[in-house]
PDB file of N, CA and C in Angstrom:
ATOM      1  N   MET A   1      13.702  -2.772 -12.112  1.00  0.00           N
ATOM      2  CA  MET A   1      12.597  -3.364 -12.830  1.00  0.00           C
ATOM      3  C   MET A   1      11.786  -2.183 -13.450  1.00  0.00           C
ATOM      4  N   LYS A   2      11.451  -2.258 -14.649  1.00  0.00           N
ATOM      5  CA  LYS A   2      10.740  -1.182 -15.279  1.00  0.00           C
ATOM      6  C   LYS A   2       9.315  -1.570 -15.583  1.00  0.00           C
ATOM      7  N   GLY A   3       8.476  -0.538 -15.799  1.00  0.00           N
ATOM      8  CA  GLY A   3       7.047  -0.860 -16.055  1.00  0.00           C
ATOM      9  C   GLY A   3       6.172  -0.894 -14.806  1.00  0.00           C
ATOM     10  N   ILE A   4       5.009  -1.366 -15.059  1.00  0.00           N
ATOM     11  CA  ILE A   4       4.018  -1.404 -13.973  1.00  0.00           C
ATOM     12  C   ILE A   4       3.959  -2.851 -13.402  1.00  0.00           C
ATOM     13  N   VAL A   5       4.078  -2.984 -12.098  1.00  0.00           N
ATOM     14  CA  VAL A   5       4.048  -4.209 -11.467  1.00  0.00           C
ATOM     15  C   VAL A   5       2.847  -4.203 -10.531  1.00  0.00           C
ATOM     16  N   HIS A   6       1.972  -5.156 -10.716  1.00  0.00           N
ATOM     17  CA  HIS A   6       0.779  -5.276  -9.787  1.00  0.00           C
ATOM     18  C   HIS A   6       1.051  -6.522  -8.907  1.00  0.00           C
ATOM     19  N   ILE A   7       0.917  -6.303  -7.584  1.00  0.00           N
ATOM     20  CA  ILE A   7       1.010  -7.374  -6.618  1.00  0.00           C
ATOM     21  C   ILE A   7      -0.229  -7.376  -5.802  1.00  0.00           C
ATOM     22  N   ARG A   8      -0.930  -8.471  -5.691  1.00  0.00           N
ATOM     23  CA  ARG A   8      -2.074  -8.635  -4.803  1.00  0.00           C
ATOM     24  C   ARG A   8      -1.608  -9.227  -3.533  1.00  0.00           C
ATOM     25  N   VAL A   9      -1.863  -8.463  -2.450  1.00  0.00           N
ATOM     26  CA  VAL A   9      -1.470  -8.959  -1.115  1.00  0.00           C
ATOM     27  C   VAL A   9      -2.698  -9.179  -0.280  1.00  0.00           C
ATOM     28  N   ASP A  10      -2.860 -10.409   0.251  1.00  0.00           N
ATOM     29  CA  ASP A  10      -4.025 -10.630   1.120  1.00  0.00           C
ATOM     30  C   ASP A  10      -3.658 -10.169   2.563  1.00  0.00           C
ATOM     31  N   ASP A  11      -4.669 -10.288   3.428  1.00  0.00           N
ATOM     32  CA  ASP A  11      -4.500  -9.767   4.782  1.00  0.00           C
ATOM     33  C   ASP A  11      -3.454 -10.572   5.608  1.00  0.00           C
ATOM     34  N   ARG A  12      -3.015 -11.685   5.201  1.00  0.00           N
ATOM     35  CA  ARG A  12      -1.997 -12.453   5.934  1.00  0.00           C
ATOM     36  C   ARG A  12      -0.619 -11.874   5.703  1.00  0.00           C
ATOM     37  N   LEU A  13      -0.393 -11.101   4.629  1.00  0.00           N
ATOM     38  CA  LEU A  13       0.937 -10.532   4.355  1.00  0.00           C
ATOM     39  C   LEU A  13       1.000  -9.052   4.628  1.00  0.00           C
ATOM     40  N   ILE A  14      -0.084  -8.391   5.010  1.00  0.00           N
ATOM     41  CA  ILE A  14      -0.022  -7.013   5.356  1.00  0.00           C
ATOM     42  C   ILE A  14       0.752  -6.804   6.622  1.00  0.00           C
ATOM     43  N   HIS A  15       1.961  -6.415   6.517  1.00  0.00           N
ATOM     44  CA  HIS A  15       2.793  -6.271   7.674  1.00  0.00           C
ATOM     45  C   HIS A  15       3.872  -5.241   7.279  1.00  0.00           C
ATOM     46  N   GLY A  16       4.237  -4.396   8.185  1.00  0.00           N
ATOM     47  CA  GLY A  16       5.221  -3.330   7.886  1.00  0.00           C
ATOM     48  C   GLY A  16       6.520  -3.789   7.254  1.00  0.00           C
ATOM     49  N   GLN A  17       7.074  -4.839   7.782  1.00  0.00           N
ATOM     50  CA  GLN A  17       8.320  -5.365   7.244  1.00  0.00           C
ATOM     51  C   GLN A  17       8.222  -5.931   5.880  1.00  0.00           C
ATOM     52  N   VAL A  18       7.150  -6.648   5.573  1.00  0.00           N
ATOM     53  CA  VAL A  18       6.887  -7.154   4.197  1.00  0.00           C
ATOM     54  C   VAL A  18       6.684  -6.049   3.207  1.00  0.00           C
ATOM     55  N   ALA A  19       5.888  -5.061   3.586  1.00  0.00           N
ATOM     56  CA  ALA A  19       5.625  -3.950   2.703  1.00  0.00           C
ATOM     57  C   ALA A  19       6.933  -3.127   2.394  1.00  0.00           C
ATOM     58  N   THR A  20       7.660  -2.881   3.506  1.00  0.00           N
ATOM     59  CA  THR A  20       8.993  -2.130   3.320  1.00  0.00           C
ATOM     60  C   THR A  20       9.908  -2.822   2.419  1.00  0.00           C
ATOM     61  N   ARG A  21      10.057  -4.154   2.550  1.00  0.00           N
ATOM     62  CA  ARG A  21      10.926  -4.873   1.680  1.00  0.00           C
ATOM     63  C   ARG A  21      10.461  -4.910   0.232  1.00  0.00           C
ATOM     64  N   TRP A  22       9.188  -5.124   0.057  1.00  0.00           N
ATOM     65  CA  TRP A  22       8.688  -5.127  -1.329  1.00  0.00           C
ATOM     66  C   TRP A  22       8.786  -3.808  -1.989  1.00  0.00           C
ATOM     67  N   VAL A  23       8.507  -2.718  -1.306  1.00  0.00           N
ATOM     68  CA  VAL A  23       8.586  -1.390  -1.868  1.00  0.00           C
ATOM     69  C   VAL A  23      10.037  -1.136  -2.318  1.00  0.00           C
ATOM     70  N   SER A  24      10.962  -1.532  -1.458  1.00  0.00           N
ATOM     71  CA  SER A  24      12.346  -1.371  -1.743  1.00  0.00           C
ATOM     72  C   SER A  24      12.824  -2.235  -2.952  1.00  0.00           C
ATOM     73  N   HIS A  25      12.447  -3.512  -2.939  1.00  0.00           N
ATOM     74  CA  HIS A  25      12.813  -4.452  -3.985  1.00  0.00           C
ATOM     75  C   HIS A  25      12.293  -3.991  -5.368  1.00  0.00           C
ATOM     76  N   PHE A  26      11.036  -3.545  -5.435  1.00  0.00           N
ATOM     77  CA  PHE A  26      10.453  -3.166  -6.703  1.00  0.00           C
ATOM     78  C   PHE A  26      10.611  -1.727  -7.065  1.00  0.00           C
ATOM     79  N   ASN A  27      11.285  -0.938  -6.122  1.00  0.00           N
ATOM     80  CA  ASN A  27      11.417   0.520  -6.326  1.00  0.00           C
ATOM     81  C   ASN A  27      10.117   1.138  -6.564  1.00  0.00           C
ATOM     82  N   ALA A  28       9.118   0.813  -5.756  1.00  0.00           N
ATOM     83  CA  ALA A  28       7.708   1.255  -5.924  1.00  0.00           C
ATOM     84  C   ALA A  28       7.624   2.785  -5.675  1.00  0.00           C
ATOM     85  N   ASN A  29       6.727   3.433  -6.379  1.00  0.00           N
ATOM     86  CA  ASN A  29       6.429   4.853  -6.140  1.00  0.00           C
ATOM     87  C   ASN A  29       4.972   5.062  -5.774  1.00  0.00           C
ATOM     88  N   ARG A  30       4.187   3.998  -5.681  1.00  0.00           N
ATOM     89  CA  ARG A  30       2.776   4.102  -5.404  1.00  0.00           C
ATOM     90  C   ARG A  30       2.285   2.874  -4.731  1.00  0.00           C
ATOM     91  N   ILE A  31       1.404   3.023  -3.763  1.00  0.00           N
ATOM     92  CA  ILE A  31       0.703   1.944  -3.143  1.00  0.00           C
ATOM     93  C   ILE A  31      -0.758   2.170  -3.340  1.00  0.00           C
ATOM     94  N   MET A  32      -1.442   1.128  -3.856  1.00  0.00           N
ATOM     95  CA  MET A  32      -2.897   1.237  -4.027  1.00  0.00           C
ATOM     96  C   MET A  32      -3.598   0.311  -3.044  1.00  0.00           C
ATOM     97  N   VAL A  33      -4.435   0.843  -2.222  1.00  0.00           N
ATOM     98  CA  VAL A  33      -5.180   0.027  -1.256  1.00  0.00           C
ATOM     99  C   VAL A  33      -6.611  -0.103  -1.746  1.00  0.00           C
ATOM    100  N   ILE A  34      -7.005  -1.241  -2.125  1.00  0.00           N
ATOM    101  CA  ILE A  34      -8.344  -1.545  -2.607  1.00  0.00           C
ATOM    102  C   ILE A  34      -9.078  -2.243  -1.493  1.00  0.00           C
ATOM    103  N   ASP A  35      -9.792  -1.428  -0.716  1.00  0.00           N
ATOM    104  CA  ASP A  35     -10.460  -2.060   0.457  1.00  0.00           C
ATOM    105  C   ASP A  35     -11.593  -1.098   0.838  1.00  0.00           C
ATOM    106  N   ASP A  36     -12.798  -1.637   0.836  1.00  0.00           N
ATOM    107  CA  ASP A  36     -13.996  -0.755   1.165  1.00  0.00           C
ATOM    108  C   ASP A  36     -13.844  -0.146   2.514  1.00  0.00           C
ATOM    109  N   ALA A  37     -13.424  -0.916   3.520  1.00  0.00           N
ATOM    110  CA  ALA A  37     -13.403  -0.426   4.912  1.00  0.00           C
ATOM    111  C   ALA A  37     -12.343   0.686   5.045  1.00  0.00           C
ATOM    112  N   VAL A  38     -11.234   0.558   4.390  1.00  0.00           N
ATOM    113  CA  VAL A  38     -10.186   1.584   4.526  1.00  0.00           C
ATOM    114  C   VAL A  38     -10.588   2.884   3.706  1.00  0.00           C
ATOM    115  N   ALA A  39     -11.109   2.683   2.552  1.00  0.00           N
ATOM    116  CA  ALA A  39     -11.528   3.782   1.708  1.00  0.00           C
ATOM    117  C   ALA A  39     -12.661   4.599   2.345  1.00  0.00           C
ATOM    118  N   ALA A  40     -13.488   3.980   3.154  1.00  0.00           N
ATOM    119  CA  ALA A  40     -14.581   4.698   3.772  1.00  0.00           C
ATOM    120  C   ALA A  40     -14.275   5.301   5.068  1.00  0.00           C
ATOM    121  N   ASN A  41     -13.039   5.169   5.554  1.00  0.00           N
ATOM    122  CA  ASN A  41     -12.688   5.646   6.895  1.00  0.00           C
ATOM    123  C   ASN A  41     -11.353   6.406   6.816  1.00  0.00           C
ATOM    124  N   GLU A  42     -11.450   7.717   7.042  1.00  0.00           N
ATOM    125  CA  GLU A  42     -10.267   8.535   6.951  1.00  0.00           C
ATOM    126  C   GLU A  42      -9.188   8.131   7.927  1.00  0.00           C
ATOM    127  N   GLY A  43      -9.632   7.748   9.132  1.00  0.00           N
ATOM    128  CA  GLY A  43      -8.635   7.326  10.112  1.00  0.00           C
ATOM    129  C   GLY A  43      -7.855   6.128   9.718  1.00  0.00           C
ATOM    130  N   ARG A  44      -8.543   5.195   9.002  1.00  0.00           N
ATOM    131  CA  ARG A  44      -7.814   3.926   8.511  1.00  0.00           C
ATOM    132  C   ARG A  44      -6.926   4.280   7.335  1.00  0.00           C
ATOM    133  N   GLU A  45      -7.278   5.247   6.590  1.00  0.00           N
ATOM    134  CA  GLU A  45      -6.447   5.749   5.486  1.00  0.00           C
ATOM    135  C   GLU A  45      -5.144   6.298   6.020  1.00  0.00           C
ATOM    136  N   ASN A  46      -5.343   7.191   7.022  1.00  0.00           N
ATOM    137  CA  ASN A  46      -4.127   7.825   7.680  1.00  0.00           C
ATOM    138  C   ASN A  46      -3.220   6.773   8.318  1.00  0.00           C
ATOM    139  N   ALA A  47      -3.767   5.804   8.951  1.00  0.00           N
ATOM    140  CA  ALA A  47      -2.983   4.754   9.571  1.00  0.00           C
ATOM    141  C   ALA A  47      -2.200   3.958   8.559  1.00  0.00           C
ATOM    142  N   ALA A  48      -2.819   3.677   7.426  1.00  0.00           N
ATOM    143  CA  ALA A  48      -2.157   2.978   6.306  1.00  0.00           C
ATOM    144  C   ALA A  48      -1.030   3.780   5.791  1.00  0.00           C
ATOM    145  N   ALA A  49      -1.272   5.067   5.545  1.00  0.00           N
ATOM    146  CA  ALA A  49      -0.249   5.967   5.037  1.00  0.00           C
ATOM    147  C   ALA A  49       0.969   6.109   5.941  1.00  0.00           C
ATOM    148  N   GLN A  50       0.693   6.154   7.234  1.00  0.00           N
ATOM    149  CA  GLN A  50       1.749   6.303   8.229  1.00  0.00           C
ATOM    150  C   GLN A  50       2.677   5.084   8.321  1.00  0.00           C
ATOM    151  N   CYS A  51       2.206   3.960   7.833  1.00  0.00           N
ATOM    152  CA  CYS A  51       2.969   2.666   7.959  1.00  0.00           C
ATOM    153  C   CYS A  51       3.896   2.474   6.719  1.00  0.00           C
ATOM    154  N   SER A  52       3.907   3.383   5.803  1.00  0.00           N
ATOM    155  CA  SER A  52       4.688   3.236   4.601  1.00  0.00           C
ATOM    156  C   SER A  52       5.642   4.342   4.406  1.00  0.00           C
ATOM    157  N   PRO A  53       6.721   4.191   3.613  1.00  0.00           N
ATOM    158  CA  PRO A  53       7.663   5.234   3.357  1.00  0.00           C
ATOM    159  C   PRO A  53       7.010   6.531   2.859  1.00  0.00           C
ATOM    160  N   GLY A  54       7.475   7.680   3.307  1.00  0.00           N
ATOM    161  CA  GLY A  54       6.880   8.957   2.965  1.00  0.00           C
ATOM    162  C   GLY A  54       6.867   9.331   1.504  1.00  0.00           C
ATOM    163  N   ARG A  55       7.808   8.730   0.724  1.00  0.00           N
ATOM    164  CA  ARG A  55       8.004   9.131  -0.649  1.00  0.00           C
ATOM    165  C   ARG A  55       6.900   8.538  -1.549  1.00  0.00           C
ATOM    166  N   LEU A  56       6.070   7.636  -1.037  1.00  0.00           N
ATOM    167  CA  LEU A  56       5.073   6.997  -1.849  1.00  0.00           C
ATOM    168  C   LEU A  56       3.812   7.754  -1.928  1.00  0.00           C
ATOM    169  N   GLN A  57       3.167   7.606  -3.093  1.00  0.00           N
ATOM    170  CA  GLN A  57       1.828   8.112  -3.304  1.00  0.00           C
ATOM    171  C   GLN A  57       0.845   7.013  -2.894  1.00  0.00           C
ATOM    172  N   HIS A  58      -0.201   7.478  -2.154  1.00  0.00           N
ATOM    173  CA  HIS A  58      -1.206   6.453  -1.687  1.00  0.00           C
ATOM    174  C   HIS A  58      -2.520   6.749  -2.326  1.00  0.00           C
ATOM    175  N   LEU A  59      -3.112   5.681  -2.864  1.00  0.00           N
ATOM    176  CA  LEU A  59      -4.432   5.705  -3.460  1.00  0.00           C
ATOM    177  C   LEU A  59      -5.343   4.737  -2.718  1.00  0.00           C
ATOM    178  N   TYR A  60      -6.565   5.229  -2.364  1.00  0.00           N
ATOM    179  CA  TYR A  60      -7.490   4.349  -1.679  1.00  0.00           C
ATOM    180  C   TYR A  60      -8.760   4.276  -2.503  1.00  0.00           C
ATOM    181  N   SER A  61      -9.283   3.038  -2.676  1.00  0.00           N
ATOM    182  CA  SER A  61     -10.409   2.848  -3.561  1.00  0.00           C
ATOM    183  C   SER A  61     -11.343   1.755  -3.037  1.00  0.00           C
ATOM    184  N   LEU A  62     -12.563   1.870  -3.410  1.00  0.00           N
ATOM    185  CA  LEU A  62     -13.560   0.842  -3.097  1.00  0.00           C
ATOM    186  C   LEU A  62     -13.451  -0.189  -4.179  1.00  0.00           C
ATOM    187  N   PHE A  63     -13.646  -1.441  -3.829  1.00  0.00           N
ATOM    188  CA  PHE A  63     -13.590  -2.523  -4.782  1.00  0.00           C
ATOM    189  C   PHE A  63     -14.735  -2.570  -5.682  1.00  0.00           C
TER     190      PHE A  63
END
């Protein structure tokens, strides 16, 4: 799949297996986490980054 694909995932689907399959299916190279609590807490950013494949770029932002 070419181009930019945006997928909004709510907290019911945030799960390692779901994320891993979607990253693989869409050949993603970036995960954007738009969450005030995560962006404001370095520990939560690190936890989110550790749960995804190492080849991905991670961006954290406030909504």
